[in-house]
N, C-alpha and C. Protein backbone atom coordinates (compact mmCIF):
# COMPACT_ATOMS: atom_id res chain seq x y z
N MET A 1 115.01 83.93 -41.89
CA MET A 1 115.12 85.39 -41.90
C MET A 1 113.77 86.03 -41.56
N ASP A 2 112.72 85.50 -42.16
CA ASP A 2 111.38 86.05 -41.91
C ASP A 2 110.99 85.88 -40.44
N LYS A 3 111.34 84.71 -39.87
CA LYS A 3 110.99 84.45 -38.48
C LYS A 3 111.69 85.46 -37.57
N HIS A 4 112.94 85.76 -37.88
CA HIS A 4 113.69 86.73 -37.07
C HIS A 4 113.03 88.11 -37.14
N VAL A 5 112.60 88.50 -38.32
CA VAL A 5 111.95 89.81 -38.49
C VAL A 5 110.65 89.83 -37.70
N GLU A 6 109.88 88.74 -37.75
CA GLU A 6 108.62 88.67 -37.02
C GLU A 6 108.87 88.78 -35.51
N ALA A 7 109.91 88.12 -35.04
CA ALA A 7 110.23 88.15 -33.62
C ALA A 7 110.57 89.57 -33.17
N THR A 8 111.40 90.26 -33.98
CA THR A 8 111.78 91.63 -33.61
C THR A 8 110.57 92.55 -33.66
N ASN A 9 109.69 92.34 -34.61
CA ASN A 9 108.48 93.15 -34.72
C ASN A 9 107.60 92.94 -33.49
N GLU A 10 107.47 91.70 -33.04
CA GLU A 10 106.65 91.40 -31.87
C GLU A 10 107.25 92.08 -30.63
N GLU A 11 108.57 92.03 -30.50
CA GLU A 11 109.23 92.67 -29.36
C GLU A 11 108.99 94.18 -29.41
N TRP A 12 109.07 94.75 -30.60
CA TRP A 12 108.88 96.19 -30.76
C TRP A 12 107.45 96.57 -30.38
N MET A 13 106.49 95.75 -30.83
CA MET A 13 105.09 96.00 -30.50
C MET A 13 104.87 95.91 -28.99
N ASP A 14 105.51 94.94 -28.35
CA ASP A 14 105.37 94.78 -26.90
C ASP A 14 105.90 96.03 -26.18
N GLU A 15 107.06 96.53 -26.64
CA GLU A 15 107.63 97.73 -26.01
C GLU A 15 106.71 98.92 -26.20
N GLU A 16 106.15 99.05 -27.39
CA GLU A 16 105.23 100.17 -27.66
C GLU A 16 104.00 100.06 -26.78
N MET A 17 103.46 98.85 -26.64
CA MET A 17 102.25 98.65 -25.83
C MET A 17 102.54 98.92 -24.35
N ILE A 18 103.70 98.46 -23.87
CA ILE A 18 104.08 98.69 -22.47
C ILE A 18 104.22 100.18 -22.21
N GLU A 19 104.86 100.89 -23.16
CA GLU A 19 105.04 102.33 -23.02
C GLU A 19 103.68 103.03 -22.98
N CYS A 20 102.77 102.60 -23.84
CA CYS A 20 101.43 103.19 -23.91
C CYS A 20 100.68 102.89 -22.61
N LEU A 21 100.78 101.67 -22.11
CA LEU A 21 100.09 101.30 -20.88
C LEU A 21 100.63 102.11 -19.70
N LEU A 22 101.96 102.31 -19.67
CA LEU A 22 102.55 103.09 -18.58
C LEU A 22 102.02 104.51 -18.60
N LYS A 23 101.91 105.09 -19.81
CA LYS A 23 101.38 106.46 -19.92
C LYS A 23 99.95 106.52 -19.41
N ILE A 24 99.15 105.50 -19.74
CA ILE A 24 97.75 105.47 -19.30
C ILE A 24 97.69 105.34 -17.77
N VAL A 25 98.52 104.45 -17.22
CA VAL A 25 98.53 104.22 -15.77
C VAL A 25 98.93 105.50 -15.04
N VAL A 26 99.96 106.20 -15.56
CA VAL A 26 100.41 107.44 -14.93
C VAL A 26 99.33 108.51 -15.06
N PHE A 27 98.72 108.59 -16.25
CA PHE A 27 97.71 109.63 -16.53
C PHE A 27 96.53 109.50 -15.59
N PHE A 28 96.06 108.25 -15.38
CA PHE A 28 94.90 108.04 -14.50
C PHE A 28 95.32 107.82 -13.05
N GLY A 29 96.51 107.30 -12.83
CA GLY A 29 96.96 106.93 -11.49
C GLY A 29 97.29 108.13 -10.61
N ILE A 30 97.93 109.16 -11.18
CA ILE A 30 98.34 110.31 -10.38
C ILE A 30 97.13 111.06 -9.81
N PRO A 31 96.12 111.41 -10.62
CA PRO A 31 94.94 112.09 -10.05
C PRO A 31 94.23 111.22 -9.01
N TYR A 32 94.16 109.91 -9.26
CA TYR A 32 93.52 108.99 -8.32
C TYR A 32 94.28 108.96 -6.99
N PHE A 33 95.61 108.91 -7.09
CA PHE A 33 96.46 108.89 -5.90
C PHE A 33 96.30 110.19 -5.11
N LEU A 34 96.28 111.33 -5.81
CA LEU A 34 96.09 112.62 -5.16
C LEU A 34 94.72 112.68 -4.48
N TYR A 35 93.70 112.14 -5.13
CA TYR A 35 92.35 112.13 -4.57
C TYR A 35 92.33 111.34 -3.26
N ILE A 36 93.02 110.19 -3.25
CA ILE A 36 93.08 109.37 -2.04
C ILE A 36 93.80 110.13 -0.92
N LEU A 37 94.90 110.81 -1.27
CA LEU A 37 95.64 111.58 -0.27
C LEU A 37 94.76 112.68 0.32
N ILE A 38 94.02 113.39 -0.55
CA ILE A 38 93.13 114.47 -0.09
C ILE A 38 92.07 113.90 0.85
N GLN A 39 91.46 112.79 0.47
CA GLN A 39 90.43 112.17 1.31
C GLN A 39 91.04 111.75 2.65
N PHE A 40 92.27 111.22 2.62
CA PHE A 40 92.94 110.75 3.82
C PHE A 40 93.20 111.90 4.79
N PHE A 41 93.66 113.04 4.27
CA PHE A 41 94.00 114.17 5.13
C PHE A 41 92.76 114.92 5.61
N GLN A 42 91.63 114.73 4.94
CA GLN A 42 90.40 115.40 5.36
C GLN A 42 89.78 114.72 6.58
N ILE A 43 90.16 113.46 6.81
CA ILE A 43 89.58 112.73 7.94
C ILE A 43 90.07 113.34 9.27
């Protein structure tokens, strides 16, 4: 029973971490992508 609880907790932590990482990637990725587009069109 304890092993099952540990497994579900690990899965939950993984989902939380993935969600957090996605938010970070989007937060930093969108401005970076826009910056690249601006530089590209300025050429």
